[in-house]
N, C-alpha and C. Protein backbone atom coordinates (compact mmCIF):
# COMPACT_ATOMS: atom_id res chain seq x y z
N MET A 1 0.77 -1.03 -0.09
CA MET A 1 -0.12 0.17 0.31
C MET A 1 0.78 1.35 0.10
N LYS A 2 2.21 1.05 0.74
CA LYS A 2 3.14 2.38 1.19
C LYS A 2 3.95 2.47 -0.29
N LYS A 3 4.27 1.57 -0.94
CA LYS A 3 4.65 1.83 -2.35
C LYS A 3 3.63 2.40 -3.26
N PHE A 4 1.84 1.92 -3.25
CA PHE A 4 1.05 2.19 -4.29
C PHE A 4 1.32 3.95 -4.05
N THR A 5 0.99 4.27 -2.82
CA THR A 5 0.89 5.56 -2.43
C THR A 5 1.94 6.66 -2.65
N LEU A 6 3.74 6.09 -2.49
CA LEU A 6 4.55 6.57 -3.18
C LEU A 6 4.40 6.96 -4.60
N LEU A 7 3.85 5.72 -5.63
CA LEU A 7 4.07 5.58 -6.86
C LEU A 7 2.81 7.09 -7.19
N PHE A 8 1.64 6.87 -6.80
CA PHE A 8 0.76 7.96 -6.79
C PHE A 8 1.08 9.27 -6.75
N LEU A 9 1.97 9.59 -5.49
CA LEU A 9 1.89 11.12 -5.57
C LEU A 9 3.38 11.61 -6.44
N ALA A 10 4.25 10.35 -6.73
CA ALA A 10 5.15 10.84 -7.87
C ALA A 10 4.56 11.09 -9.27
N LEU A 11 3.32 10.33 -9.32
CA LEU A 11 2.69 10.61 -10.71
C LEU A 11 1.84 11.83 -10.81
N THR A 12 1.10 12.10 -9.58
CA THR A 12 0.33 13.51 -9.43
C THR A 12 1.40 14.57 -9.64
N THR A 13 2.30 14.46 -8.72
CA THR A 13 3.33 15.43 -9.15
C THR A 13 3.88 16.06 -10.34
N SER A 14 3.83 14.75 -11.04
CA SER A 14 4.54 14.89 -12.82
C SER A 14 3.52 15.83 -13.53
N LEU A 15 2.20 15.03 -13.26
CA LEU A 15 1.07 15.57 -13.71
C LEU A 15 1.12 16.94 -13.80
N ALA A 16 1.17 17.53 -12.44
CA ALA A 16 0.74 18.75 -11.54
C ALA A 16 1.53 19.78 -12.70
N ALA A 17 2.69 19.31 -12.82
CA ALA A 17 4.31 20.14 -13.50
C ALA A 17 3.76 20.15 -14.98
N MET A 18 3.11 19.34 -15.59
CA MET A 18 3.03 19.25 -16.68
C MET A 18 1.34 20.47 -17.38
N ALA A 19 0.81 20.32 -15.76
CA ALA A 19 -0.65 20.94 -16.16
C ALA A 19 -0.40 22.91 -15.73
N MET A 20 0.92 23.23 -15.77
CA MET A 20 1.07 24.63 -15.19
C MET A 20 0.97 25.57 -16.20
N HIS A 21 0.34 26.61 -15.96
CA HIS A 21 -0.10 27.54 -17.04
C HIS A 21 0.58 28.63 -16.63
N PRO A 22 0.77 30.05 -17.57
CA PRO A 22 1.45 31.29 -17.01
C PRO A 22 0.98 31.82 -15.99
N ASP A 23 -0.34 32.05 -15.65
CA ASP A 23 -0.96 32.60 -14.82
C ASP A 23 -0.88 31.86 -13.70
N ASP A 24 -0.12 30.65 -13.28
CA ASP A 24 -0.19 29.81 -12.10
C ASP A 24 1.13 30.59 -11.11
N PHE A 25 1.63 31.45 -11.90
CA PHE A 25 3.07 32.08 -11.40
C PHE A 25 2.95 33.56 -11.30
N ALA A 26 3.20 33.69 -9.87
CA ALA A 26 4.07 35.13 -9.58
C ALA A 26 4.84 36.21 -9.87
N TRP A 27 4.57 36.93 -10.70
CA TRP A 27 5.49 37.19 -11.93
C TRP A 27 5.88 38.56 -11.23
N GLU A 28 7.27 38.86 -11.19
CA GLU A 28 7.76 40.48 -10.95
C GLU A 28 8.49 40.40 -12.12
N LEU A 29 8.39 42.40 -12.40
CA LEU A 29 9.38 42.68 -13.63
C LEU A 29 11.16 42.60 -13.14
N SER A 30 11.71 42.39 -13.77
CA SER A 30 13.26 41.92 -13.69
C SER A 30 13.93 42.98 -14.52
N LYS A 31 14.14 42.80 -15.72
CA LYS A 31 14.64 43.77 -16.56
C LYS A 31 13.70 44.59 -17.58
N GLU A 32 13.89 45.73 -18.44
CA GLU A 32 13.22 46.17 -19.08
C GLU A 32 14.63 46.80 -19.59
N LYS A 33 14.89 46.60 -21.51
CA LYS A 33 15.52 47.14 -22.07
C LYS A 33 15.33 47.19 -23.96
N ASP A 34 15.41 48.24 -24.31
CA ASP A 34 15.25 48.15 -25.76
C ASP A 34 13.55 47.69 -26.34
N GLY A 35 12.99 48.11 -25.26
CA GLY A 35 11.32 47.75 -25.16
C GLY A 35 10.82 46.38 -25.09
N ILE A 36 11.81 45.62 -24.55
CA ILE A 36 11.65 44.20 -24.13
C ILE A 36 11.51 44.02 -22.22
N LYS A 37 10.50 43.72 -22.04
CA LYS A 37 10.52 43.73 -20.65
C LYS A 37 10.37 41.85 -20.51
N ILE A 38 11.63 41.76 -18.79
CA ILE A 38 11.70 40.10 -18.57
C ILE A 38 11.10 40.21 -17.14
N PHE A 39 10.56 39.22 -17.07
CA PHE A 39 10.04 39.01 -15.72
C PHE A 39 9.92 37.51 -15.01
N ARG A 40 10.56 37.70 -13.75
CA ARG A 40 10.70 36.28 -12.92
C ARG A 40 9.84 35.74 -12.18
N ALA A 41 9.97 34.54 -11.95
CA ALA A 41 8.94 34.07 -10.58
C ALA A 41 9.37 33.17 -9.78
N PRO A 42 9.02 33.02 -8.23
CA PRO A 42 10.29 32.43 -7.49
C PRO A 42 10.76 30.82 -7.88
N GLN A 43 11.51 30.33 -7.89
CA GLN A 43 11.98 29.19 -8.20
C GLN A 43 10.85 27.70 -8.16
N HIS A 44 10.75 27.12 -9.11
CA HIS A 44 9.95 25.99 -9.27
C HIS A 44 10.49 24.99 -8.56
N LYS A 45 9.44 24.58 -7.43
CA LYS A 45 9.98 23.97 -6.09
C LYS A 45 10.48 22.54 -6.82
N GLU A 46 10.08 21.86 -7.86
CA GLU A 46 10.50 20.69 -7.87
C GLU A 46 11.70 20.35 -9.32
N THR A 47 12.06 21.81 -9.53
CA THR A 47 13.37 21.49 -10.16
C THR A 47 14.39 22.88 -9.77
N GLY A 48 14.15 23.54 -9.38
CA GLY A 48 14.96 24.67 -8.61
C GLY A 48 15.22 25.79 -9.91
N ILE A 49 14.64 25.82 -11.41
CA ILE A 49 14.51 26.17 -12.48
C ILE A 49 13.55 27.69 -11.81
N VAL A 50 14.31 29.02 -12.32
CA VAL A 50 13.39 30.25 -12.26
C VAL A 50 12.48 30.40 -13.57
N PRO A 51 11.13 30.12 -13.35
CA PRO A 51 10.26 30.70 -14.87
C PRO A 51 10.71 31.84 -15.31
N ILE A 52 10.44 32.04 -16.70
CA ILE A 52 11.22 33.31 -17.27
C ILE A 52 9.87 33.84 -18.28
N LYS A 53 9.34 34.97 -18.23
CA LYS A 53 8.49 35.58 -19.10
C LYS A 53 9.23 36.91 -19.80
N ALA A 54 8.86 36.67 -21.26
CA ALA A 54 9.30 38.28 -21.82
C ALA A 54 8.14 38.35 -22.81
N GLN A 55 8.00 39.90 -22.46
CA GLN A 55 7.32 40.87 -23.39
C GLN A 55 7.83 42.06 -24.20
N THR A 56 7.08 41.83 -25.80
CA THR A 56 7.74 43.28 -26.34
C THR A 56 6.52 43.46 -27.22
N VAL A 57 6.56 44.58 -28.16
CA VAL A 57 5.58 44.51 -29.03
C VAL A 57 6.48 45.03 -30.33
N LEU A 58 5.94 43.58 -31.45
CA LEU A 58 6.82 43.57 -32.65
C LEU A 58 6.08 44.54 -33.88
N ASN A 59 6.51 45.10 -34.55
CA ASN A 59 6.08 46.10 -35.62
C ASN A 59 5.96 45.25 -37.04
N HIS A 60 5.26 44.44 -36.81
CA HIS A 60 4.70 43.27 -37.95
C HIS A 60 3.43 43.15 -37.63
N PRO A 61 2.66 42.83 -38.65
CA PRO A 61 0.97 42.04 -38.24
C PRO A 61 1.69 40.59 -37.47
N MET A 62 0.05 40.28 -37.43
CA MET A 62 0.51 38.98 -36.63
C MET A 62 0.55 37.55 -37.50
N PRO A 63 0.14 37.67 -38.81
CA PRO A 63 -0.07 36.84 -40.08
C PRO A 63 1.70 36.41 -40.37
N ARG A 64 1.96 37.24 -40.42
CA ARG A 64 3.56 37.49 -40.73
C ARG A 64 4.63 36.71 -39.37
N ILE A 65 3.60 37.02 -38.23
CA ILE A 65 4.84 37.08 -37.24
C ILE A 65 4.62 34.83 -37.06
N LEU A 66 3.23 34.44 -36.82
CA LEU A 66 2.84 33.21 -37.05
C LEU A 66 3.18 32.38 -38.39
N SER A 67 3.48 32.91 -39.32
CA SER A 67 4.35 32.44 -40.44
C SER A 67 6.29 32.36 -40.05
N VAL A 68 6.54 33.18 -39.55
CA VAL A 68 7.80 32.78 -38.82
C VAL A 68 7.45 31.78 -38.30
N LEU A 69 6.97 31.93 -36.86
CA LEU A 69 7.08 30.95 -35.92
C LEU A 69 6.57 29.55 -36.39
N ALA A 70 5.53 29.32 -37.66
CA ALA A 70 5.40 27.88 -38.48
C ALA A 70 6.37 27.12 -39.36
N THR A 71 7.59 28.11 -39.58
CA THR A 71 8.21 27.67 -40.39
C THR A 71 9.52 26.97 -39.81
N THR A 72 9.39 25.45 -40.01
CA THR A 72 10.13 25.04 -38.46
C THR A 72 11.54 24.86 -39.26
N GLU A 73 11.58 24.45 -40.80
CA GLU A 73 13.08 24.59 -41.30
C GLU A 73 14.20 25.86 -41.29
N ARG A 74 13.28 27.17 -40.87
CA ARG A 74 14.21 27.98 -40.86
C ARG A 74 14.48 28.64 -39.77
N LYS A 75 13.81 27.92 -38.92
CA LYS A 75 13.94 28.54 -37.05
C LYS A 75 15.26 28.33 -36.77
N MET A 76 16.26 27.67 -37.02
CA MET A 76 17.86 27.84 -36.70
C MET A 76 18.20 29.60 -37.24
N GLU A 77 17.76 29.88 -38.14
CA GLU A 77 18.02 31.49 -38.68
C GLU A 77 17.53 32.51 -37.58
N TRP A 78 16.81 32.11 -36.32
CA TRP A 78 16.79 33.01 -35.32
C TRP A 78 16.57 32.82 -33.85
N ILE A 79 16.69 31.22 -33.34
CA ILE A 79 16.43 31.02 -32.53
C ILE A 79 17.83 30.44 -31.88
N PRO A 80 18.63 31.46 -31.26
CA PRO A 80 19.58 31.12 -30.30
C PRO A 80 20.33 29.79 -30.21
N LYS A 81 21.40 29.40 -30.90
CA LYS A 81 22.23 28.10 -30.30
C LYS A 81 21.27 26.92 -31.03
N LEU A 82 20.08 27.04 -31.74
CA LEU A 82 19.44 26.00 -32.04
C LEU A 82 20.11 25.47 -33.72
N VAL A 83 20.41 24.02 -33.42
CA VAL A 83 21.51 23.39 -34.61
C VAL A 83 20.68 22.70 -35.74
N GLU A 84 19.42 22.23 -35.22
CA GLU A 84 19.00 21.11 -35.89
C GLU A 84 17.47 21.39 -35.55
N ALA A 85 16.26 21.46 -36.39
CA ALA A 85 15.11 21.32 -35.97
C ALA A 85 14.20 20.61 -36.94
N TYR A 86 12.99 19.78 -36.59
CA TYR A 86 12.19 19.30 -38.06
C TYR A 86 10.73 19.01 -37.17
N ILE A 87 9.88 18.66 -38.35
CA ILE A 87 8.67 18.16 -37.45
C ILE A 87 8.58 16.77 -37.56
N VAL A 88 7.93 16.29 -36.32
CA VAL A 88 8.21 15.08 -35.66
C VAL A 88 6.88 14.17 -36.67
N GLU A 89 5.91 14.90 -36.43
CA GLU A 89 4.32 14.68 -36.59
C GLU A 89 3.54 16.30 -36.65
N GLN A 90 2.75 15.93 -37.94
CA GLN A 90 1.76 17.09 -37.67
C GLN A 90 0.43 16.39 -37.21
N LYS A 91 0.05 16.64 -36.05
CA LYS A 91 -1.23 16.16 -36.03
C LYS A 91 -2.08 16.72 -36.33
N SER A 92 -2.72 18.33 -37.02
CA SER A 92 -3.70 18.44 -37.42
C SER A 92 -3.29 20.16 -37.65
N LYS A 93 -3.78 20.94 -37.93
CA LYS A 93 -3.38 21.93 -38.97
C LYS A 93 -2.78 23.19 -37.69
N TYR A 94 -2.90 22.97 -36.55
CA TYR A 94 -2.58 24.12 -35.05
C TYR A 94 -2.09 23.08 -34.42
N ALA A 95 -1.65 21.90 -34.45
CA ALA A 95 -0.97 20.91 -33.56
C ALA A 95 -0.05 20.17 -34.24
N ARG A 96 1.36 20.29 -33.25
CA ARG A 96 2.19 18.89 -33.98
C ARG A 96 3.40 19.08 -32.93
N VAL A 97 3.84 18.02 -33.23
CA VAL A 97 4.94 17.65 -32.35
C VAL A 97 6.47 17.61 -32.96
N GLU A 98 7.60 18.24 -32.61
CA GLU A 98 8.94 19.30 -33.08
C GLU A 98 10.22 18.96 -32.74
N TYR A 99 11.24 18.05 -33.04
CA TYR A 99 12.26 17.95 -32.35
C TYR A 99 13.06 19.12 -32.95
N ALA A 100 13.75 19.31 -31.56
CA ALA A 100 15.06 20.73 -31.49
C ALA A 100 16.26 20.26 -30.84
N ARG A 101 17.43 20.44 -31.48
CA ARG A 101 18.96 20.22 -30.75
C ARG A 101 19.54 21.66 -30.69
N TYR A 102 20.14 22.10 -29.48
CA TYR A 102 20.46 23.11 -29.22
C TYR A 102 22.33 22.94 -28.83
N ASP A 103 22.99 23.41 -29.64
CA ASP A 103 24.39 23.61 -29.06
C ASP A 103 24.98 23.76 -27.66
N SER A 104 25.61 23.01 -27.35
CA SER A 104 25.96 23.36 -26.06
C SER A 104 27.75 23.25 -25.91
N PRO A 105 28.37 24.30 -25.16
CA PRO A 105 29.57 24.55 -25.06
C PRO A 105 30.06 23.26 -24.16
N TRP A 106 31.70 23.16 -25.09
CA TRP A 106 32.54 21.83 -24.61
C TRP A 106 32.44 22.33 -23.02
N PRO A 107 32.49 21.53 -22.17
CA PRO A 107 32.35 19.96 -21.84
C PRO A 107 31.25 19.71 -22.35
N PHE A 108 30.21 20.39 -22.34
CA PHE A 108 28.78 19.71 -22.03
C PHE A 108 28.01 19.32 -23.31
N HIS A 109 27.18 18.28 -23.22
CA HIS A 109 26.60 17.79 -24.54
C HIS A 109 25.19 18.43 -25.10
N ASP A 110 25.17 18.76 -26.14
CA ASP A 110 24.11 19.32 -27.19
C ASP A 110 22.72 18.89 -26.09
N ARG A 111 21.68 19.53 -26.09
CA ARG A 111 20.51 19.44 -25.65
C ARG A 111 19.82 18.91 -26.91
N SER A 112 18.88 18.04 -26.64
CA SER A 112 17.75 17.97 -27.64
C SER A 112 16.44 18.14 -26.93
N PHE A 113 15.37 18.33 -27.52
CA PHE A 113 14.02 18.34 -26.80
C PHE A 113 12.91 17.96 -28.02
N VAL A 114 12.17 17.33 -27.52
CA VAL A 114 10.89 16.64 -28.47
C VAL A 114 9.67 17.35 -27.81
N ILE A 115 9.01 18.50 -28.85
CA ILE A 115 7.80 19.52 -28.16
C ILE A 115 6.92 19.23 -28.64
N SER A 116 5.57 19.18 -27.98
CA SER A 116 4.03 19.32 -28.24
C SER A 116 3.85 20.79 -28.65
N THR A 117 3.55 21.24 -29.68
CA THR A 117 2.72 22.64 -29.74
C THR A 117 1.72 22.51 -30.30
N LYS A 118 0.45 23.59 -29.72
CA LYS A 118 -0.96 23.67 -29.75
C LYS A 118 -1.36 24.95 -29.75
N GLY A 119 -1.74 25.15 -30.70
CA GLY A 119 -2.33 26.77 -31.11
C GLY A 119 -3.74 27.01 -30.74
N ARG A 120 -4.41 28.37 -30.35
CA ARG A 120 -5.57 28.43 -30.28
C ARG A 120 -5.62 30.03 -30.69
N TYR A 121 -6.62 30.11 -31.28
CA TYR A 121 -6.99 31.58 -31.80
C TYR A 121 -8.47 31.88 -31.21
N ASP A 122 -8.62 33.28 -30.84
CA ASP A 122 -9.77 33.70 -30.33
C ASP A 122 -9.80 35.05 -31.57
N GLU A 123 -10.77 34.79 -32.22
CA GLU A 123 -11.40 35.71 -33.37
C GLU A 123 -11.83 37.06 -32.50
N LYS A 124 -12.44 36.69 -31.76
CA LYS A 124 -13.14 38.05 -31.13
C LYS A 124 -12.22 39.01 -30.27
N ASP A 125 -11.41 38.66 -29.68
CA ASP A 125 -10.00 39.07 -28.97
C ASP A 125 -9.40 39.28 -29.85
N ASN A 126 -9.01 38.91 -31.17
CA ASN A 126 -7.62 38.32 -32.02
C ASN A 126 -6.40 38.26 -31.28
N THR A 127 -6.67 37.15 -30.19
CA THR A 127 -5.43 36.55 -29.91
C THR A 127 -5.07 35.00 -30.17
N VAL A 128 -3.88 35.26 -29.80
CA VAL A 128 -3.54 33.55 -30.22
C VAL A 128 -2.25 33.06 -29.00
N PHE A 129 -2.64 31.83 -28.41
CA PHE A 129 -1.95 31.13 -27.42
C PHE A 129 -1.80 30.16 -27.79
N ILE A 130 -0.19 29.63 -27.93
CA ILE A 130 0.23 28.26 -27.89
C ILE A 130 1.00 27.95 -27.22
N ASP A 131 0.20 26.52 -26.55
CA ASP A 131 0.80 25.60 -25.24
C ASP A 131 2.30 25.00 -25.80
N ILE A 132 3.16 25.06 -24.90
CA ILE A 132 4.65 24.12 -25.68
C ILE A 132 4.91 23.44 -24.41
N HIS A 133 5.11 22.37 -24.72
CA HIS A 133 5.81 21.56 -23.57
C HIS A 133 6.17 19.93 -23.89
N SER A 134 7.56 19.33 -23.57
CA SER A 134 7.71 18.16 -23.69
C SER A 134 7.02 17.11 -23.66
N ILE A 135 7.02 16.17 -24.43
CA ILE A 135 6.56 14.90 -24.45
C ILE A 135 7.47 13.87 -24.67
N GLU A 136 7.46 12.45 -24.70
CA GLU A 136 8.34 11.15 -25.36
C GLU A 136 7.21 11.09 -26.49
N HIS A 137 7.94 10.65 -27.47
CA HIS A 137 7.65 10.35 -28.93
C HIS A 137 8.35 9.10 -29.49
N PRO A 138 7.69 8.05 -30.20
CA PRO A 138 8.29 6.74 -30.42
C PRO A 138 9.10 6.73 -31.51
N LYS A 139 8.78 8.00 -32.50
CA LYS A 139 9.88 8.34 -33.40
C LYS A 139 11.06 9.18 -33.26
N VAL A 140 11.26 9.64 -32.14
CA VAL A 140 12.46 9.93 -31.41
C VAL A 140 12.88 9.44 -30.17
N PRO A 141 13.23 8.64 -30.65
CA PRO A 141 14.02 7.58 -29.23
C PRO A 141 15.38 8.67 -28.69
N LYS A 142 15.69 8.43 -27.27
CA LYS A 142 17.14 8.82 -27.21
C LYS A 142 18.28 8.98 -27.40
N ASN A 143 18.97 10.03 -28.01
CA ASN A 143 19.82 9.65 -28.96
C ASN A 143 21.24 9.85 -27.69
N PRO A 144 22.22 8.93 -27.07
CA PRO A 144 23.18 8.99 -26.11
C PRO A 144 24.25 10.20 -26.63
N ASP A 145 24.35 10.68 -27.67
CA ASP A 145 25.40 11.79 -27.76
C ASP A 145 24.65 13.02 -27.34
N TYR A 146 23.41 13.22 -27.00
CA TYR A 146 23.06 14.39 -26.64
C TYR A 146 22.19 13.90 -25.48
N VAL A 147 21.80 15.23 -24.74
CA VAL A 147 21.00 14.85 -23.22
C VAL A 147 19.73 15.57 -23.76
N ARG A 148 18.87 14.92 -22.96
CA ARG A 148 17.40 15.05 -23.51
C ARG A 148 16.89 16.08 -22.49
N GLY A 149 16.70 17.52 -22.99
CA GLY A 149 15.73 18.10 -22.01
C GLY A 149 14.80 18.19 -21.81
N ARG A 150 13.94 19.02 -20.79
CA ARG A 150 12.70 18.92 -21.05
C ARG A 150 11.96 20.27 -20.41
N THR A 151 10.99 20.54 -21.37
CA THR A 151 10.28 21.92 -20.96
C THR A 151 9.25 21.27 -20.57
N TYR A 152 9.09 22.00 -19.06
CA TYR A 152 7.76 21.92 -18.49
C TYR A 152 6.68 22.66 -18.82
N ILE A 153 6.73 23.79 -18.87
CA ILE A 153 6.01 25.06 -19.13
C ILE A 153 6.04 26.01 -20.46
N GLY A 154 5.77 26.06 -21.33
CA GLY A 154 5.88 27.04 -22.35
C GLY A 154 4.48 27.38 -23.14
N SER A 155 4.84 28.89 -23.63
CA SER A 155 3.82 29.21 -24.10
C SER A 155 4.14 30.39 -24.68
N VAL A 156 3.22 30.98 -25.98
CA VAL A 156 3.35 32.09 -26.87
C VAL A 156 1.77 32.47 -26.91
N TYR A 157 1.97 34.17 -26.71
CA TYR A 157 0.23 34.63 -26.62
C TYR A 157 1.13 35.52 -27.29
N MET A 158 -0.17 35.67 -28.24
CA MET A 158 0.11 37.07 -29.27
C MET A 158 -1.16 37.61 -29.18
N LYS A 159 -1.33 39.00 -29.40
CA LYS A 159 -2.34 39.55 -29.47
C LYS A 159 -2.32 41.21 -30.75
N GLY A 160 -3.46 40.81 -31.98
CA GLY A 160 -3.08 41.81 -32.78
C GLY A 160 -3.52 43.48 -31.81
N LEU A 161 -2.33 44.24 -32.19
CA LEU A 161 -2.96 45.59 -31.71
C LEU A 161 -3.27 46.53 -32.96
N SER A 162 -2.52 46.22 -34.28
CA SER A 162 -2.86 46.75 -35.58
C SER A 162 -2.80 46.15 -36.74
N LYS A 163 -2.99 46.50 -37.76
CA LYS A 163 -2.51 45.86 -39.11
C LYS A 163 -0.84 46.07 -38.92
N THR A 164 -0.25 46.92 -38.25
CA THR A 164 1.10 46.79 -38.13
C THR A 164 1.85 46.22 -36.83
N GLU A 165 1.14 46.23 -35.86
CA GLU A 165 1.43 46.05 -34.45
C GLU A 165 1.24 44.87 -33.74
N THR A 166 2.16 43.82 -32.98
CA THR A 166 1.49 42.68 -32.32
C THR A 166 1.91 42.31 -30.87
N PHE A 167 1.35 42.56 -30.10
CA PHE A 167 1.88 42.18 -28.62
C PHE A 167 2.30 40.49 -28.92
N PHE A 168 3.79 40.56 -28.36
CA PHE A 168 4.18 39.50 -28.09
C PHE A 168 4.73 38.61 -27.02
N GLU A 169 4.16 37.51 -26.48
CA GLU A 169 4.90 37.25 -25.09
C GLU A 169 5.54 35.98 -24.81
N ILE A 170 6.12 35.03 -24.43
CA ILE A 170 6.66 34.26 -24.57
C ILE A 170 7.03 33.27 -23.04
N THR A 171 6.77 32.38 -22.25
CA THR A 171 6.96 32.19 -21.36
C THR A 171 7.84 30.81 -21.24
N LEU A 172 8.46 30.36 -20.48
CA LEU A 172 9.38 29.25 -20.27
C LEU A 172 9.97 28.64 -19.21
N LEU A 173 9.57 27.54 -18.63
CA LEU A 173 10.06 26.95 -17.38
C LEU A 173 10.93 25.73 -18.19
N THR A 174 11.86 25.78 -18.42
CA THR A 174 12.86 24.59 -18.99
C THR A 174 14.25 24.41 -18.35
N ASP A 175 14.21 22.70 -18.71
CA ASP A 175 15.36 21.88 -17.54
C ASP A 175 16.49 21.63 -18.69
N PHE A 176 17.15 22.25 -19.02
CA PHE A 176 18.20 21.23 -19.36
C PHE A 176 18.84 20.29 -19.25
N LYS A 177 18.85 19.35 -18.17
CA LYS A 177 19.11 18.70 -17.68
C LYS A 177 20.60 18.24 -17.71
N GLY A 178 20.92 16.66 -17.23
CA GLY A 178 22.32 16.62 -17.50
C GLY A 178 23.03 17.04 -16.21
N ASN A 179 24.37 17.47 -16.64
CA ASN A 179 25.02 18.10 -15.86
C ASN A 179 25.49 19.48 -15.55
N ILE A 180 24.58 20.33 -15.95
CA ILE A 180 24.85 21.88 -16.03
C ILE A 180 23.90 22.27 -14.76
N PRO A 181 24.60 22.95 -13.91
CA PRO A 181 24.47 23.50 -12.74
C PRO A 181 23.19 24.13 -12.88
N THR A 182 21.96 24.27 -11.80
CA THR A 182 20.55 24.52 -11.88
C THR A 182 20.88 26.47 -12.35
N TRP A 183 22.16 26.99 -11.29
CA TRP A 183 22.29 28.35 -11.30
C TRP A 183 22.60 28.79 -12.86
N ILE A 184 23.63 27.80 -13.53
CA ILE A 184 23.77 28.50 -14.86
C ILE A 184 22.54 28.16 -15.88
N ILE A 185 21.75 27.40 -15.42
CA ILE A 185 20.63 27.72 -16.41
C ILE A 185 19.99 28.75 -16.38
N ASN A 186 19.54 28.76 -14.73
CA ASN A 186 18.47 30.25 -14.46
C ASN A 186 19.18 31.56 -15.29
N ILE A 187 20.85 31.66 -15.24
CA ILE A 187 21.63 33.11 -15.62
C ILE A 187 21.18 32.94 -17.16
N VAL A 188 20.97 31.43 -17.92
CA VAL A 188 21.25 31.41 -19.45
C VAL A 188 19.83 31.66 -19.44
N GLN A 189 18.63 31.42 -19.19
CA GLN A 189 17.33 31.65 -19.30
C GLN A 189 16.88 32.95 -19.11
N ALA A 190 17.64 33.76 -18.67
CA ALA A 190 17.47 34.95 -18.12
C ALA A 190 17.97 36.03 -19.28
N LYS A 191 18.61 35.45 -19.93
CA LYS A 191 19.59 36.49 -20.99
C LYS A 191 19.09 35.97 -22.26
N TRP A 192 18.38 34.81 -22.13
CA TRP A 192 17.87 34.33 -23.64
C TRP A 192 17.05 35.18 -24.36
N PRO A 193 15.86 35.67 -23.66
CA PRO A 193 15.13 36.29 -24.22
C PRO A 193 15.26 37.45 -25.63
N PHE A 194 16.74 38.16 -24.47
CA PHE A 194 16.87 39.16 -25.43
C PHE A 194 17.28 39.14 -27.01
N LYS A 195 18.57 38.02 -26.56
CA LYS A 195 18.92 37.72 -27.90
C LYS A 195 17.68 37.03 -28.99
N MET A 196 16.82 36.18 -28.40
CA MET A 196 15.85 35.66 -29.08
C MET A 196 15.16 36.71 -29.71
N PHE A 197 14.46 37.99 -29.06
CA PHE A 197 13.46 38.67 -29.53
C PHE A 197 14.42 39.61 -30.61
N SER A 198 15.71 39.67 -30.47
CA SER A 198 16.56 40.42 -31.54
C SER A 198 16.54 39.82 -33.01
N ASN A 199 16.78 38.75 -32.82
CA ASN A 199 16.82 37.83 -33.91
C ASN A 199 15.51 37.68 -34.47
N LEU A 200 14.21 37.74 -33.75
CA LEU A 200 13.35 37.49 -34.32
C LEU A 200 13.01 38.83 -35.39
N LYS A 201 13.26 39.71 -34.82
CA LYS A 201 12.86 41.18 -35.65
C LYS A 201 13.29 41.48 -36.63
N ARG A 202 14.76 40.83 -36.74
CA ARG A 202 15.65 40.92 -37.65
C ARG A 202 15.12 39.80 -38.60
N GLN A 203 14.56 38.51 -38.20
CA GLN A 203 13.57 37.21 -38.87
C GLN A 203 12.71 38.18 -39.98
N LEU A 204 11.71 38.90 -39.10
CA LEU A 204 10.80 38.86 -39.63
C LEU A 204 10.62 40.41 -40.86
N GLU A 205 11.89 40.54 -40.48
CA GLU A 205 12.50 41.98 -41.46
C GLU A 205 12.78 41.31 -43.23
N LYS A 206 13.18 40.18 -43.35
CA LYS A 206 13.63 39.68 -44.11
C LYS A 206 12.60 39.50 -45.54
N LYS A 207 13.12 39.95 -46.62
CA LYS A 207 12.08 39.80 -47.93
C LYS A 207 11.79 38.53 -48.17
N ASP A 208 12.26 37.46 -47.70
CA ASP A 208 11.56 36.05 -48.35
C ASP A 208 10.78 35.39 -47.21
N ILE A 209 10.37 35.98 -46.59
CA ILE A 209 9.34 35.32 -45.56
C ILE A 209 8.20 34.93 -46.33
N LYS A 210 7.56 33.58 -46.32
CA LYS A 210 6.42 33.47 -46.94
C LYS A 210 4.97 33.56 -45.94
N ILE A 211 4.10 34.01 -46.50
CA ILE A 211 2.86 34.26 -45.25
C ILE A 211 2.03 32.94 -45.70
N TRP A 212 1.71 32.38 -44.42
CA TRP A 212 1.18 31.23 -44.77
C TRP A 212 -0.19 31.94 -45.25
N PRO A 213 -0.91 31.32 -45.93
CA PRO A 213 -2.64 31.65 -46.20
C PRO A 213 -3.91 31.51 -45.24
N GLU A 214 -3.18 30.49 -44.01
CA GLU A 214 -4.43 29.98 -43.41
C GLU A 214 -4.69 31.09 -41.99
N PHE A 215 -3.16 32.01 -42.50
CA PHE A 215 -3.16 33.20 -41.31
C PHE A 215 -3.22 34.51 -41.73
N ASN A 216 -3.91 34.55 -42.88
CA ASN A 216 -3.95 35.80 -43.39
C ASN A 216 -5.39 36.56 -42.70
N SER A 217 -6.19 35.73 -42.16
CA SER A 217 -7.16 36.68 -41.54
C SER A 217 -6.58 36.93 -40.41
N TYR A 218 -5.69 36.66 -39.88
CA TYR A 218 -5.10 37.02 -38.39
C TYR A 218 -5.16 38.25 -37.92
N ASN A 219 -5.86 39.07 -38.19
CA ASN A 219 -5.04 40.71 -38.32
C ASN A 219 -6.59 41.46 -37.85
N PRO A 220 -6.19 42.63 -37.13
CA PRO A 220 -7.29 43.25 -36.50
C PRO A 220 -7.89 44.28 -37.67
């Protein structure tokens, strides 16, 4: 009976971690620079990781931003340290499983992730919420050359403010796993949004961005 209780508690703790939402955290503004706001929340008890939330306003319409986010084969052009990415499974029009591998400096192994993403569009409010979290998938077994990281919670929230401006927010609670100390993970994640947002802005300016037809109506 005792073993069953411990197993049940472990299972419910794991499920609770996966069921978290950005609104579950007590956010405080940590940094603000170049129109980018970084928020931090208290350390997550189970992992010791500090959740990060970043916000900015992008001078581009939501269809263009969504098209950049959805084009997996070009994510290496703007996501920091990303060296490999591909779609594992396209579950539906707005739900997919993706593989991503990030470069890690010596002596650490590269980090790989198998990520489930699912988007929701609210036509009335002209908002998009994309849920992101790690999963296991039979098509992507663990590679001994890489450490399998885990994103406990991730999300992208967008709101079209006008035909030329979009509010953009990303939330992450990611564990790199392996032998990287937690304090290093927290430092890296605190700096990552500034680099990522800068890269995303440059990507959005490129002339060869193709707008996906299904996103054309996502505009104020």
